[in-house]
Amino acid sequence: MVRPSTLILLAGIVLLFVPIPPVATILGIIVIVVGVALRLLTNR
């Protein structure tokens, strides 16, 4: 089963390549940081 933090990380990486540079890049970085934080906080 895939962990939710992995899906969030993948969504952040996809947002980095969306062709709306200022908005997508900022959102992508924020989503990646949230995904990493979830991964660190939910160590199972």
C-alpha atoms as a PDB file:
ATOM      1  CA  MET A   1       0.000   0.000   0.000  1.00  0.00           C
ATOM      2  CA  VAL A   2       1.259   3.465  -0.895  1.00  0.00           C
ATOM      3  CA  ARG A   3       1.673   5.923   1.956  1.00  0.00           C
ATOM      4  CA  PRO A   4      -0.217   9.220   1.625  1.00  0.00           C
ATOM      5  CA  SER A   5       3.023  11.151   2.066  1.00  0.00           C
ATOM      6  CA  THR A   6       4.394   9.464  -1.075  1.00  0.00           C
ATOM      7  CA  LEU A   7       1.384  10.632  -3.080  1.00  0.00           C
ATOM      8  CA  ILE A   8       1.792  14.156  -1.719  1.00  0.00           C
ATOM      9  CA  LEU A   9       5.474  14.155  -2.703  1.00  0.00           C
ATOM     10  CA  LEU A  10       4.605  12.995  -6.209  1.00  0.00           C
ATOM     11  CA  ALA A  11       1.937  15.697  -6.515  1.00  0.00           C
ATOM     12  CA  GLY A  12       4.512  18.309  -5.508  1.00  0.00           C
ATOM     13  CA  ILE A  13       6.976  17.091  -8.115  1.00  0.00           C
ATOM     14  CA  VAL A  14       4.270  17.203 -10.799  1.00  0.00           C
ATOM     15  CA  LEU A  15       3.385  20.773  -9.797  1.00  0.00           C
ATOM     16  CA  LEU A  16       6.988  21.836 -10.398  1.00  0.00           C
ATOM     17  CA  PHE A  17       6.549  21.027 -14.104  1.00  0.00           C
ATOM     18  CA  VAL A  18       3.163  22.742 -14.612  1.00  0.00           C
ATOM     19  CA  PRO A  19       3.647  25.597 -17.097  1.00  0.00           C
ATOM     20  CA  ILE A  20       2.373  28.335 -14.748  1.00  0.00           C
ATOM     21  CA  PRO A  21       5.771  29.188 -13.272  1.00  0.00           C
ATOM     22  CA  PRO A  22       5.218  31.460 -10.260  1.00  0.00           C
ATOM     23  CA  VAL A  23       2.124  29.789  -8.837  1.00  0.00           C
ATOM     24  CA  ALA A  24       2.945  26.162  -9.626  1.00  0.00           C
ATOM     25  CA  THR A  25       6.545  26.406  -8.452  1.00  0.00           C
ATOM     26  CA  ILE A  26       5.594  27.892  -5.088  1.00  0.00           C
ATOM     27  CA  LEU A  27       2.770  25.376  -4.605  1.00  0.00           C
ATOM     28  CA  GLY A  28       5.042  22.532  -5.685  1.00  0.00           C
ATOM     29  CA  ILE A  29       7.684  23.448  -3.122  1.00  0.00           C
ATOM     30  CA  ILE A  30       5.069  23.832  -0.373  1.00  0.00           C
ATOM     31  CA  VAL A  31       3.476  20.475  -1.214  1.00  0.00           C
ATOM     32  CA  ILE A  32       6.883  18.747  -1.233  1.00  0.00           C
ATOM     33  CA  VAL A  33       7.731  20.234   2.186  1.00  0.00           C
ATOM     34  CA  VAL A  34       4.367  19.060   3.558  1.00  0.00           C
ATOM     35  CA  GLY A  35       4.969  15.583   2.141  1.00  0.00           C
ATOM     36  CA  VAL A  36       8.415  15.356   3.720  1.00  0.00           C
ATOM     37  CA  ALA A  37       7.032  16.596   7.042  1.00  0.00           C
ATOM     38  CA  LEU A  38       4.277  13.972   6.959  1.00  0.00           C
ATOM     39  CA  ARG A  39       6.808  11.277   6.146  1.00  0.00           C
ATOM     40  CA  LEU A  40       8.976  12.299   9.097  1.00  0.00           C
ATOM     41  CA  LEU A  41       6.058  12.663  11.519  1.00  0.00           C
ATOM     42  CA  THR A  42       4.314   9.423  10.569  1.00  0.00           C
ATOM     43  CA  ASN A  43       7.208   7.006  10.901  1.00  0.00           C
ATOM     44  CA  ARG A  44       5.501   3.643  11.061  1.00  0.00           C
END
